[in-house]
Amino acid sequence: MILYLVIPAFNEEEVLDSTSKALKEKMNNLIKNKKISRESKVLFVDDGSKDKTWHIIENLHAKDKLFIGVKLSGNRGHQFALLAGLMEAKKYADAVISMDADLQDDINVIDKMLEEYKNGNEIVYGVRSSRKKDTFFKRTTAQMFYKLMKFLGVNIIYNHADCRLMSKRALEELENFKEVNLFLRGIVPLLGFKNSIVYYERGKREAGVSKYPLKKMLAFAADGITSFSIKPLRFILAIGIIILVISIFIMLYALIVKILGHTVAGWTFLTISIWFIGGLQMISIGVIGEYIGKIYNETKARPRYIIEKILK
């Protein structure tokens, strides 16, 4: 079987040297043990890096044809860079495994994934066995995110990021999903093919900095929720109905106070109510606006990424 490893990279010049060495050793061992074909490749995707990432990829390719590369014309984000690599790899590979460039995903999980693939699984999810190495904040927020997605009805694999194996057939079906608001963790389970899970221990980043600071993590979570669930809109409707019912009681209260001649009473309550409902309205408009914005992006149907160069 021909295996391609797809590695998105954005400003990863500090880790590519060690990453390429580790991947070369792993791939050569798999080839030597006849688990994969000699035509197998490691495909790096440069997501519009500003450092020497692409230059390093070119040098790796010049020295060893095991390494190939795709350079996007600009920074499109991790999900689009990953998709670009997957779509390029599916042209030649029987199966594709995606991993992060910092190799925090244990490369030994590749062996387990290949075993599951040979057992007939078209998709194999790499799932973290624990989050002990994460900070308390990151661990807590990540768990909240997965639980929230489940609560909203999104079919998502708990503690799974983007370390996964996909067969050629699964990738061909993935190509049919044309949405611009891309959230692969939610899309891949929709394919419905036979799948399995393998567990691994996620390591620490060897060098460089995380490409997912808090701001990007929050944006990513918002994209995931609004791309796969309309429940936030239904929550707004439910809250509106509740407020309507409460307002009827407030109206009755105001009439009674008026009849009794105590018109000054309730001023504090009224002021708080106005500010509360005003804030709630702004949040509701914001949520609705988020969905409208996604519709706007989808209707433009612009290309999700543009490839500038390919090293084969």
C-alpha atoms as a PDB file:
ATOM      1  CA  MET A   1       0.000   0.000   0.000  1.00  0.00           C
ATOM      2  CA  ILE A   2       1.089   3.556  -0.705  1.00  0.00           C
ATOM      3  CA  LEU A   3       1.010   5.741   2.420  1.00  0.00           C
ATOM      4  CA  TYR A   4       1.253   9.512   2.460  1.00  0.00           C
ATOM      5  CA  LEU A   5       1.856  11.524   5.618  1.00  0.00           C
ATOM      6  CA  VAL A   6       0.364  15.012   5.392  1.00  0.00           C
ATOM      7  CA  ILE A   7       2.030  17.586   7.660  1.00  0.00           C
ATOM      8  CA  PRO A   8       0.653  21.164   7.661  1.00  0.00           C
ATOM      9  CA  ALA A   9       3.303  23.704   8.651  1.00  0.00           C
ATOM     10  CA  PHE A  10       3.093  27.402   9.464  1.00  0.00           C
ATOM     11  CA  ASN A  11       6.310  29.117  10.592  1.00  0.00           C
ATOM     12  CA  GLU A  12       7.810  25.805  11.722  1.00  0.00           C
ATOM     13  CA  GLU A  13      11.461  26.332  10.743  1.00  0.00           C
ATOM     14  CA  GLU A  14      12.590  25.459  14.277  1.00  0.00           C
ATOM     15  CA  VAL A  15      11.064  21.963  14.257  1.00  0.00           C
ATOM     16  CA  LEU A  16      11.231  20.802  10.637  1.00  0.00           C
ATOM     17  CA  ASP A  17      14.765  19.452  10.893  1.00  0.00           C
ATOM     18  CA  SER A  18      14.014  17.134  13.824  1.00  0.00           C
ATOM     19  CA  THR A  19      10.554  16.334  12.442  1.00  0.00           C
ATOM     20  CA  SER A  20      11.912  15.286   9.040  1.00  0.00           C
ATOM     21  CA  LYS A  21      14.563  13.063  10.622  1.00  0.00           C
ATOM     22  CA  ALA A  22      12.021  11.288  12.821  1.00  0.00           C
ATOM     23  CA  LEU A  23       9.575  10.818   9.945  1.00  0.00           C
ATOM     24  CA  LYS A  24      12.288   9.570   7.579  1.00  0.00           C
ATOM     25  CA  GLU A  25      13.382   6.945  10.091  1.00  0.00           C
ATOM     26  CA  LYS A  26       9.799   5.845  10.674  1.00  0.00           C
ATOM     27  CA  MET A  27       8.932   5.640   6.977  1.00  0.00           C
ATOM     28  CA  ASN A  28      12.113   3.758   6.105  1.00  0.00           C
ATOM     29  CA  ASN A  29      11.399   1.219   8.854  1.00  0.00           C
ATOM     30  CA  LEU A  30       7.860   0.718   7.556  1.00  0.00           C
ATOM     31  CA  ILE A  31       9.201   0.269   4.011  1.00  0.00           C
ATOM     32  CA  LYS A  32      11.915  -2.123   5.211  1.00  0.00           C
ATOM     33  CA  ASN A  33       9.332  -4.233   7.059  1.00  0.00           C
ATOM     34  CA  LYS A  34       7.157  -4.206   3.907  1.00  0.00           C
ATOM     35  CA  LYS A  35       4.236  -2.524   5.666  1.00  0.00           C
ATOM     36  CA  ILE A  36       4.104   0.246   3.067  1.00  0.00           C
ATOM     37  CA  SER A  37       5.270   0.756  -0.513  1.00  0.00           C
ATOM     38  CA  ARG A  38       8.498   2.488  -1.525  1.00  0.00           C
ATOM     39  CA  GLU A  39       6.303   5.003  -3.324  1.00  0.00           C
ATOM     40  CA  SER A  40       5.087   6.313   0.025  1.00  0.00           C
ATOM     41  CA  LYS A  41       5.817   9.985   0.765  1.00  0.00           C
ATOM     42  CA  VAL A  42       5.897  12.666   3.445  1.00  0.00           C
ATOM     43  CA  LEU A  43       3.946  15.690   2.192  1.00  0.00           C
ATOM     44  CA  PHE A  44       4.591  19.015   3.919  1.00  0.00           C
ATOM     45  CA  VAL A  45       2.063  21.807   3.355  1.00  0.00           C
ATOM     46  CA  ASP A  46       3.429  25.313   3.832  1.00  0.00           C
ATOM     47  CA  ASP A  47       0.512  27.472   4.958  1.00  0.00           C
ATOM     48  CA  GLY A  48       1.955  30.806   3.811  1.00  0.00           C
ATOM     49  CA  SER A  49       4.818  30.820   6.320  1.00  0.00           C
ATOM     50  CA  LYS A  50       6.824  34.020   6.845  1.00  0.00           C
ATOM     51  CA  ASP A  51      10.021  32.256   7.938  1.00  0.00           C
ATOM     52  CA  LYS A  52      12.243  29.697   6.152  1.00  0.00           C
ATOM     53  CA  THR A  53       9.725  26.841   6.310  1.00  0.00           C
ATOM     54  CA  TRP A  54       9.332  26.505   2.524  1.00  0.00           C
ATOM     55  CA  HIS A  55      13.073  26.858   1.936  1.00  0.00           C
ATOM     56  CA  ILE A  56      13.671  23.954   4.343  1.00  0.00           C
ATOM     57  CA  ILE A  57      11.013  21.852   2.594  1.00  0.00           C
ATOM     58  CA  GLU A  58      12.704  22.533  -0.765  1.00  0.00           C
ATOM     59  CA  ASN A  59      16.069  21.446   0.645  1.00  0.00           C
ATOM     60  CA  LEU A  60      14.558  18.265   2.087  1.00  0.00           C
ATOM     61  CA  HIS A  61      13.012  17.451  -1.286  1.00  0.00           C
ATOM     62  CA  ALA A  62      16.296  18.095  -3.111  1.00  0.00           C
ATOM     63  CA  LYS A  63      18.158  15.685  -0.816  1.00  0.00           C
ATOM     64  CA  ASP A  64      15.510  12.970  -0.548  1.00  0.00           C
ATOM     65  CA  LYS A  65      12.476  12.394  -2.785  1.00  0.00           C
ATOM     66  CA  LEU A  66      10.697  10.858   0.193  1.00  0.00           C
ATOM     67  CA  PHE A  67       9.795  14.465   1.040  1.00  0.00           C
ATOM     68  CA  ILE A  68       7.459  16.430  -1.184  1.00  0.00           C
ATOM     69  CA  GLY A  69       5.685  19.703  -0.605  1.00  0.00           C
ATOM     70  CA  VAL A  70       2.774  21.993  -1.352  1.00  0.00           C
ATOM     71  CA  LYS A  71       3.064  25.740  -0.906  1.00  0.00           C
ATOM     72  CA  LEU A  72      -0.125  27.750  -0.496  1.00  0.00           C
ATOM     73  CA  SER A  73      -0.186  31.271  -1.920  1.00  0.00           C
ATOM     74  CA  GLY A  74      -1.029  32.712   1.481  1.00  0.00           C
ATOM     75  CA  ASN A  75      -1.932  31.820   5.052  1.00  0.00           C
ATOM     76  CA  ARG A  76      -5.328  30.099   4.906  1.00  0.00           C
ATOM     77  CA  GLY A  77      -5.367  28.477   8.336  1.00  0.00           C
ATOM     78  CA  HIS A  78      -4.600  24.988   9.605  1.00  0.00           C
ATOM     79  CA  GLN A  79      -7.821  23.346   8.396  1.00  0.00           C
ATOM     80  CA  PHE A  80      -7.463  24.572   4.813  1.00  0.00           C
ATOM     81  CA  ALA A  81      -3.766  23.716   4.710  1.00  0.00           C
ATOM     82  CA  LEU A  82      -4.603  20.223   5.928  1.00  0.00           C
ATOM     83  CA  LEU A  83      -7.380  19.878   3.347  1.00  0.00           C
ATOM     84  CA  ALA A  84      -5.029  21.001   0.561  1.00  0.00           C
ATOM     85  CA  GLY A  85      -2.546  18.319   1.573  1.00  0.00           C
ATOM     86  CA  LEU A  86      -5.209  15.621   1.826  1.00  0.00           C
ATOM     87  CA  MET A  87      -6.634  16.432  -1.592  1.00  0.00           C
ATOM     88  CA  GLU A  88      -3.181  16.368  -3.187  1.00  0.00           C
ATOM     89  CA  ALA A  89      -2.177  13.142  -1.425  1.00  0.00           C
ATOM     90  CA  LYS A  90      -5.337  11.256  -2.384  1.00  0.00           C
ATOM     91  CA  LYS A  91      -4.283  11.401  -6.049  1.00  0.00           C
ATOM     92  CA  TYR A  92      -1.456   8.952  -5.363  1.00  0.00           C
ATOM     93  CA  ALA A  93      -1.986   7.273  -1.980  1.00  0.00           C
ATOM     94  CA  ASP A  94      -4.055   4.313  -0.814  1.00  0.00           C
ATOM     95  CA  ALA A  95      -4.210   5.825   2.667  1.00  0.00           C
ATOM     96  CA  VAL A  96      -3.225   9.173   4.187  1.00  0.00           C
ATOM     97  CA  ILE A  97      -2.260   9.995   7.773  1.00  0.00           C
ATOM     98  CA  SER A  98      -2.338  13.610   8.959  1.00  0.00           C
ATOM     99  CA  MET A  99      -0.174  14.852  11.828  1.00  0.00           C
ATOM    100  CA  ASP A 100       1.052  18.177  13.221  1.00  0.00           C
ATOM    101  CA  ALA A 101       4.505  19.467  12.257  1.00  0.00           C
ATOM    102  CA  ASP A 102       5.696  19.666  15.867  1.00  0.00           C
ATOM    103  CA  LEU A 103       5.217  15.871  16.189  1.00  0.00           C
ATOM    104  CA  GLN A 104       3.473  16.166  19.514  1.00  0.00           C
ATOM    105  CA  ASP A 105       1.412  13.358  18.031  1.00  0.00           C
ATOM    106  CA  ASP A 106       3.391  10.178  18.714  1.00  0.00           C
ATOM    107  CA  ILE A 107       4.657   8.870  15.347  1.00  0.00           C
ATOM    108  CA  ASN A 108       4.492   5.314  16.681  1.00  0.00           C
ATOM    109  CA  VAL A 109       0.715   5.594  16.392  1.00  0.00           C
ATOM    110  CA  ILE A 110       1.258   5.164  12.627  1.00  0.00           C
ATOM    111  CA  ASP A 111       1.867   1.426  13.132  1.00  0.00           C
ATOM    112  CA  LYS A 112      -1.391   1.050  15.052  1.00  0.00           C
ATOM    113  CA  MET A 113      -3.293   2.980  12.397  1.00  0.00           C
ATOM    114  CA  LEU A 114      -1.932   0.781   9.616  1.00  0.00           C
ATOM    115  CA  GLU A 115      -3.028  -2.320  11.504  1.00  0.00           C
ATOM    116  CA  GLU A 116      -6.544  -0.922  11.864  1.00  0.00           C
ATOM    117  CA  TYR A 117      -6.580   0.034   8.177  1.00  0.00           C
ATOM    118  CA  LYS A 118      -5.608  -3.510   7.174  1.00  0.00           C
ATOM    119  CA  ASN A 119      -8.471  -4.743   9.363  1.00  0.00           C
ATOM    120  CA  GLY A 120     -10.883  -2.924   7.068  1.00  0.00           C
ATOM    121  CA  ASN A 121     -11.249   0.469   8.766  1.00  0.00           C
ATOM    122  CA  GLU A 122     -11.482   3.329   6.263  1.00  0.00           C
ATOM    123  CA  ILE A 123     -10.950   5.966   8.980  1.00  0.00           C
ATOM    124  CA  VAL A 124      -8.770   5.612  12.063  1.00  0.00           C
ATOM    125  CA  TYR A 125      -8.909   8.346  14.702  1.00  0.00           C
ATOM    126  CA  GLY A 126      -5.873   9.131  16.810  1.00  0.00           C
ATOM    127  CA  VAL A 127      -7.108   9.968  20.303  1.00  0.00           C
ATOM    128  CA  ARG A 128      -5.094  11.291  23.232  1.00  0.00           C
ATOM    129  CA  SER A 129      -4.980   8.823  26.094  1.00  0.00           C
ATOM    130  CA  SER A 130      -4.736  11.648  28.649  1.00  0.00           C
ATOM    131  CA  ARG A 131      -4.272  15.394  29.058  1.00  0.00           C
ATOM    132  CA  LYS A 132      -1.959  15.301  32.064  1.00  0.00           C
ATOM    133  CA  LYS A 133       0.713  17.333  30.256  1.00  0.00           C
ATOM    134  CA  ASP A 134      -1.691  20.184  29.484  1.00  0.00           C
ATOM    135  CA  THR A 135      -2.074  23.180  31.744  1.00  0.00           C
ATOM    136  CA  PHE A 136      -5.145  23.178  33.974  1.00  0.00           C
ATOM    137  CA  PHE A 137      -6.716  25.938  31.867  1.00  0.00           C
ATOM    138  CA  LYS A 138      -6.154  24.194  28.529  1.00  0.00           C
ATOM    139  CA  ARG A 139      -7.287  20.827  29.880  1.00  0.00           C
ATOM    140  CA  THR A 140     -10.463  22.296  31.371  1.00  0.00           C
ATOM    141  CA  THR A 141     -11.405  24.391  28.340  1.00  0.00           C
ATOM    142  CA  ALA A 142     -10.752  21.469  25.966  1.00  0.00           C
ATOM    143  CA  GLN A 143     -13.017  19.183  27.976  1.00  0.00           C
ATOM    144  CA  MET A 144     -15.696  21.879  28.080  1.00  0.00           C
ATOM    145  CA  PHE A 145     -15.457  22.267  24.304  1.00  0.00           C
ATOM    146  CA  TYR A 146     -15.949  18.563  23.563  1.00  0.00           C
ATOM    147  CA  LYS A 147     -18.827  18.279  26.034  1.00  0.00           C
ATOM    148  CA  LEU A 148     -20.485  21.385  24.599  1.00  0.00           C
ATOM    149  CA  MET A 149     -20.196  20.015  21.061  1.00  0.00           C
ATOM    150  CA  LYS A 150     -21.789  16.745  22.162  1.00  0.00           C
ATOM    151  CA  PHE A 151     -24.550  18.651  23.959  1.00  0.00           C
ATOM    152  CA  LEU A 152     -25.262  20.612  20.786  1.00  0.00           C
ATOM    153  CA  GLY A 153     -25.647  17.377  18.847  1.00  0.00           C
ATOM    154  CA  VAL A 154     -22.354  17.430  16.940  1.00  0.00           C
ATOM    155  CA  ASN A 155     -20.882  13.988  16.263  1.00  0.00           C
ATOM    156  CA  ILE A 156     -17.293  14.553  17.371  1.00  0.00           C
ATOM    157  CA  ILE A 157     -14.645  12.176  18.715  1.00  0.00           C
ATOM    158  CA  TYR A 158     -13.669  13.082  22.286  1.00  0.00           C
ATOM    159  CA  ASN A 159     -10.011  14.194  22.622  1.00  0.00           C
ATOM    160  CA  HIS A 160      -9.407  13.767  18.889  1.00  0.00           C
ATOM    161  CA  ALA A 161      -7.717  16.597  16.996  1.00  0.00           C
ATOM    162  CA  ASP A 162      -6.511  16.082  13.420  1.00  0.00           C
ATOM    163  CA  CYS A 163      -4.291  13.033  13.809  1.00  0.00           C
ATOM    164  CA  ARG A 164      -6.118  10.457  11.713  1.00  0.00           C
ATOM    165  CA  LEU A 165      -5.827   7.941   8.908  1.00  0.00           C
ATOM    166  CA  MET A 166      -8.191   8.141   5.956  1.00  0.00           C
ATOM    167  CA  SER A 167      -8.455   5.776   3.035  1.00  0.00           C
ATOM    168  CA  LYS A 168      -8.493   6.946  -0.573  1.00  0.00           C
ATOM    169  CA  ARG A 169     -12.230   6.239  -0.760  1.00  0.00           C
ATOM    170  CA  ALA A 170     -12.916   8.293   2.382  1.00  0.00           C
ATOM    171  CA  LEU A 171     -10.898  11.199   0.969  1.00  0.00           C
ATOM    172  CA  GLU A 172     -12.791  11.065  -2.317  1.00  0.00           C
ATOM    173  CA  GLU A 173     -16.037  11.429  -0.388  1.00  0.00           C
ATOM    174  CA  LEU A 174     -14.546  14.211   1.756  1.00  0.00           C
ATOM    175  CA  GLU A 175     -13.899  16.136  -1.463  1.00  0.00           C
ATOM    176  CA  ASN A 176     -17.673  16.351  -1.983  1.00  0.00           C
ATOM    177  CA  PHE A 177     -18.018  18.562   1.111  1.00  0.00           C
ATOM    178  CA  LYS A 178     -17.689  22.031  -0.389  1.00  0.00           C
ATOM    179  CA  GLU A 179     -18.273  24.240   2.638  1.00  0.00           C
ATOM    180  CA  VAL A 180     -16.014  27.219   3.226  1.00  0.00           C
ATOM    181  CA  ASN A 181     -16.502  27.099   6.999  1.00  0.00           C
ATOM    182  CA  LEU A 182     -14.251  24.084   7.422  1.00  0.00           C
ATOM    183  CA  PHE A 183     -14.222  22.011  10.604  1.00  0.00           C
ATOM    184  CA  LEU A 184     -12.744  18.617   9.706  1.00  0.00           C
ATOM    185  CA  ARG A 185     -13.235  17.127  13.173  1.00  0.00           C
ATOM    186  CA  GLY A 186     -16.960  17.429  12.611  1.00  0.00           C
ATOM    187  CA  ILE A 187     -17.036  16.606   8.894  1.00  0.00           C
ATOM    188  CA  VAL A 188     -15.014  13.363   8.917  1.00  0.00           C
ATOM    189  CA  PRO A 189     -17.427  11.470  11.249  1.00  0.00           C
ATOM    190  CA  LEU A 190     -20.234  12.379   8.820  1.00  0.00           C
ATOM    191  CA  LEU A 191     -18.619  10.183   6.152  1.00  0.00           C
ATOM    192  CA  GLY A 192     -19.942   7.152   7.994  1.00  0.00           C
ATOM    193  CA  PHE A 193     -17.349   4.614   6.854  1.00  0.00           C
ATOM    194  CA  LYS A 194     -16.142   1.822   9.106  1.00  0.00           C
ATOM    195  CA  ASN A 195     -13.797   3.402  11.638  1.00  0.00           C
ATOM    196  CA  SER A 196     -11.816   2.735  14.790  1.00  0.00           C
ATOM    197  CA  ILE A 197      -9.837   4.569  17.455  1.00  0.00           C
ATOM    198  CA  VAL A 198      -6.206   4.208  18.499  1.00  0.00           C
ATOM    199  CA  TYR A 199      -4.822   5.876  21.606  1.00  0.00           C
ATOM    200  CA  TYR A 200      -1.483   7.609  22.060  1.00  0.00           C
ATOM    201  CA  GLU A 201       0.306   9.824  24.528  1.00  0.00           C
ATOM    202  CA  ARG A 202       0.747  13.358  23.229  1.00  0.00           C
ATOM    203  CA  GLY A 203       4.207  14.764  23.864  1.00  0.00           C
ATOM    204  CA  LYS A 204       5.500  18.263  24.440  1.00  0.00           C
ATOM    205  CA  ARG A 205       6.474  20.627  21.646  1.00  0.00           C
ATOM    206  CA  GLU A 206      10.221  20.348  20.987  1.00  0.00           C
ATOM    207  CA  ALA A 207      10.699  23.916  19.754  1.00  0.00           C
ATOM    208  CA  GLY A 208       8.833  26.951  18.487  1.00  0.00           C
ATOM    209  CA  VAL A 209       5.507  28.179  19.816  1.00  0.00           C
ATOM    210  CA  SER A 210       1.958  26.914  19.584  1.00  0.00           C
ATOM    211  CA  LYS A 211       0.057  28.139  16.526  1.00  0.00           C
ATOM    212  CA  TYR A 212      -3.198  27.992  18.512  1.00  0.00           C
ATOM    213  CA  PRO A 213      -3.192  30.770  21.132  1.00  0.00           C
ATOM    214  CA  LEU A 214      -6.350  31.408  23.156  1.00  0.00           C
ATOM    215  CA  LYS A 215      -7.819  33.792  20.556  1.00  0.00           C
ATOM    216  CA  LYS A 216      -7.517  31.224  17.750  1.00  0.00           C
ATOM    217  CA  MET A 217      -8.807  28.438  19.983  1.00  0.00           C
ATOM    218  CA  LEU A 218     -11.948  30.439  20.777  1.00  0.00           C
ATOM    219  CA  ALA A 219     -12.474  31.271  17.090  1.00  0.00           C
ATOM    220  CA  PHE A 220     -11.967  27.614  16.174  1.00  0.00           C
ATOM    221  CA  ALA A 221     -14.506  26.521  18.793  1.00  0.00           C
ATOM    222  CA  ALA A 222     -17.033  29.095  17.547  1.00  0.00           C
ATOM    223  CA  ASP A 223     -16.556  27.869  13.964  1.00  0.00           C
ATOM    224  CA  GLY A 224     -17.087  24.280  15.052  1.00  0.00           C
ATOM    225  CA  ILE A 225     -20.295  25.061  16.946  1.00  0.00           C
ATOM    226  CA  THR A 226     -21.916  27.329  14.362  1.00  0.00           C
ATOM    227  CA  SER A 227     -20.910  25.112  11.418  1.00  0.00           C
ATOM    228  CA  PHE A 228     -22.592  22.006  12.784  1.00  0.00           C
ATOM    229  CA  SER A 229     -25.423  23.022  15.075  1.00  0.00           C
ATOM    230  CA  ILE A 230     -28.413  25.388  14.958  1.00  0.00           C
ATOM    231  CA  LYS A 231     -29.154  24.833  18.637  1.00  0.00           C
ATOM    232  CA  PRO A 232     -27.783  28.285  19.622  1.00  0.00           C
ATOM    233  CA  LEU A 233     -30.533  29.795  17.453  1.00  0.00           C
ATOM    234  CA  ARG A 234     -33.095  27.602  19.173  1.00  0.00           C
ATOM    235  CA  PHE A 235     -31.741  28.691  22.561  1.00  0.00           C
ATOM    236  CA  ILE A 236     -32.341  32.293  21.532  1.00  0.00           C
ATOM    237  CA  LEU A 237     -35.949  31.431  20.635  1.00  0.00           C
ATOM    238  CA  ALA A 238     -36.429  29.633  23.964  1.00  0.00           C
ATOM    239  CA  ILE A 239     -34.971  32.553  25.929  1.00  0.00           C
ATOM    240  CA  GLY A 240     -37.218  34.937  23.992  1.00  0.00           C
ATOM    241  CA  ILE A 241     -40.295  32.921  24.973  1.00  0.00           C
ATOM    242  CA  ILE A 242     -39.189  32.833  28.633  1.00  0.00           C
ATOM    243  CA  ILE A 243     -38.640  36.605  28.641  1.00  0.00           C
ATOM    244  CA  LEU A 244     -42.054  37.103  27.040  1.00  0.00           C
ATOM    245  CA  VAL A 245     -43.703  35.111  29.847  1.00  0.00           C
ATOM    246  CA  ILE A 246     -41.739  37.025  32.501  1.00  0.00           C
ATOM    247  CA  SER A 247     -42.676  40.341  30.868  1.00  0.00           C
ATOM    248  CA  ILE A 248     -46.375  39.481  31.234  1.00  0.00           C
ATOM    249  CA  PHE A 249     -45.894  39.101  35.009  1.00  0.00           C
ATOM    250  CA  ILE A 250     -43.906  42.339  35.100  1.00  0.00           C
ATOM    251  CA  MET A 251     -46.718  44.082  33.243  1.00  0.00           C
ATOM    252  CA  LEU A 252     -49.253  42.828  35.787  1.00  0.00           C
ATOM    253  CA  TYR A 253     -46.944  43.939  38.611  1.00  0.00           C
ATOM    254  CA  ALA A 254     -46.586  47.411  37.059  1.00  0.00           C
ATOM    255  CA  LEU A 255     -50.383  47.774  36.723  1.00  0.00           C
ATOM    256  CA  ILE A 256     -50.935  46.756  40.347  1.00  0.00           C
ATOM    257  CA  VAL A 257     -48.300  49.251  41.559  1.00  0.00           C
ATOM    258  CA  LYS A 258     -49.943  51.953  39.430  1.00  0.00           C
ATOM    259  CA  ILE A 259     -53.383  51.232  40.883  1.00  0.00           C
ATOM    260  CA  LEU A 260     -52.014  51.333  44.431  1.00  0.00           C
ATOM    261  CA  GLY A 261     -50.327  54.667  43.746  1.00  0.00           C
ATOM    262  CA  HIS A 262     -46.741  53.488  44.335  1.00  0.00           C
ATOM    263  CA  THR A 263     -45.326  54.407  40.930  1.00  0.00           C
ATOM    264  CA  VAL A 264     -41.778  55.002  42.264  1.00  0.00           C
ATOM    265  CA  ALA A 265     -41.533  51.457  43.590  1.00  0.00           C
ATOM    266  CA  GLY A 266     -39.707  49.040  41.327  1.00  0.00           C
ATOM    267  CA  TRP A 267     -37.386  51.617  39.725  1.00  0.00           C
ATOM    268  CA  THR A 268     -34.269  49.537  40.504  1.00  0.00           C
ATOM    269  CA  PHE A 269     -35.888  46.372  39.197  1.00  0.00           C
ATOM    270  CA  LEU A 270     -36.952  48.134  35.998  1.00  0.00           C
ATOM    271  CA  THR A 271     -33.464  49.569  35.402  1.00  0.00           C
ATOM    272  CA  ILE A 272     -31.792  46.196  35.883  1.00  0.00           C
ATOM    273  CA  SER A 273     -34.346  44.566  33.591  1.00  0.00           C
ATOM    274  CA  ILE A 274     -33.694  47.078  30.809  1.00  0.00           C
ATOM    275  CA  TRP A 275     -29.927  46.558  30.960  1.00  0.00           C
ATOM    276  CA  PHE A 276     -30.302  42.784  31.162  1.00  0.00           C
ATOM    277  CA  ILE A 277     -32.678  42.511  28.220  1.00  0.00           C
ATOM    278  CA  GLY A 278     -30.576  44.988  26.219  1.00  0.00           C
ATOM    279  CA  GLY A 279     -27.451  42.900  26.770  1.00  0.00           C
ATOM    280  CA  LEU A 280     -29.328  39.721  25.928  1.00  0.00           C
ATOM    281  CA  GLN A 281     -30.574  41.271  22.698  1.00  0.00           C
ATOM    282  CA  MET A 282     -27.041  42.260  21.676  1.00  0.00           C
ATOM    283  CA  ILE A 283     -25.761  38.732  22.316  1.00  0.00           C
ATOM    284  CA  SER A 284     -28.690  37.274  20.360  1.00  0.00           C
ATOM    285  CA  ILE A 285     -28.032  39.583  17.419  1.00  0.00           C
ATOM    286  CA  GLY A 286     -24.361  38.602  17.562  1.00  0.00           C
ATOM    287  CA  VAL A 287     -25.158  34.867  17.417  1.00  0.00           C
ATOM    288  CA  ILE A 288     -27.590  35.370  14.541  1.00  0.00           C
ATOM    289  CA  GLY A 289     -25.000  37.564  12.818  1.00  0.00           C
ATOM    290  CA  GLU A 290     -22.437  34.771  13.107  1.00  0.00           C
ATOM    291  CA  TYR A 291     -24.730  32.416  11.215  1.00  0.00           C
ATOM    292  CA  ILE A 292     -25.571  35.064   8.611  1.00  0.00           C
ATOM    293  CA  GLY A 293     -21.847  35.707   8.145  1.00  0.00           C
ATOM    294  CA  LYS A 294     -21.261  32.020   7.467  1.00  0.00           C
ATOM    295  CA  ILE A 295     -24.077  31.973   4.927  1.00  0.00           C
ATOM    296  CA  TYR A 296     -22.473  35.021   3.282  1.00  0.00           C
ATOM    297  CA  ASN A 297     -19.108  33.264   3.045  1.00  0.00           C
ATOM    298  CA  GLU A 298     -20.662  30.105   1.628  1.00  0.00           C
ATOM    299  CA  THR A 299     -22.661  31.926  -1.072  1.00  0.00           C
ATOM    300  CA  LYS A 300     -19.532  33.656  -2.419  1.00  0.00           C
ATOM    301  CA  ALA A 301     -18.073  30.208  -3.142  1.00  0.00           C
ATOM    302  CA  ARG A 302     -14.500  31.489  -3.273  1.00  0.00           C
ATOM    303  CA  PRO A 303     -11.676  28.904  -3.516  1.00  0.00           C
ATOM    304  CA  ARG A 304     -10.771  27.574  -0.081  1.00  0.00           C
ATOM    305  CA  TYR A 305      -7.065  27.631  -0.861  1.00  0.00           C
ATOM    306  CA  ILE A 306      -4.738  28.434  -3.775  1.00  0.00           C
ATOM    307  CA  ILE A 307      -1.645  26.324  -4.417  1.00  0.00           C
ATOM    308  CA  GLU A 308       1.407  28.325  -5.498  1.00  0.00           C
ATOM    309  CA  LYS A 309       3.971  25.520  -5.857  1.00  0.00           C
ATOM    310  CA  ILE A 310       4.091  21.749  -5.722  1.00  0.00           C
ATOM    311  CA  LEU A 311       7.181  19.599  -5.201  1.00  0.00           C
ATOM    312  CA  LYS A 312       6.618  16.044  -6.498  1.00  0.00           C
END
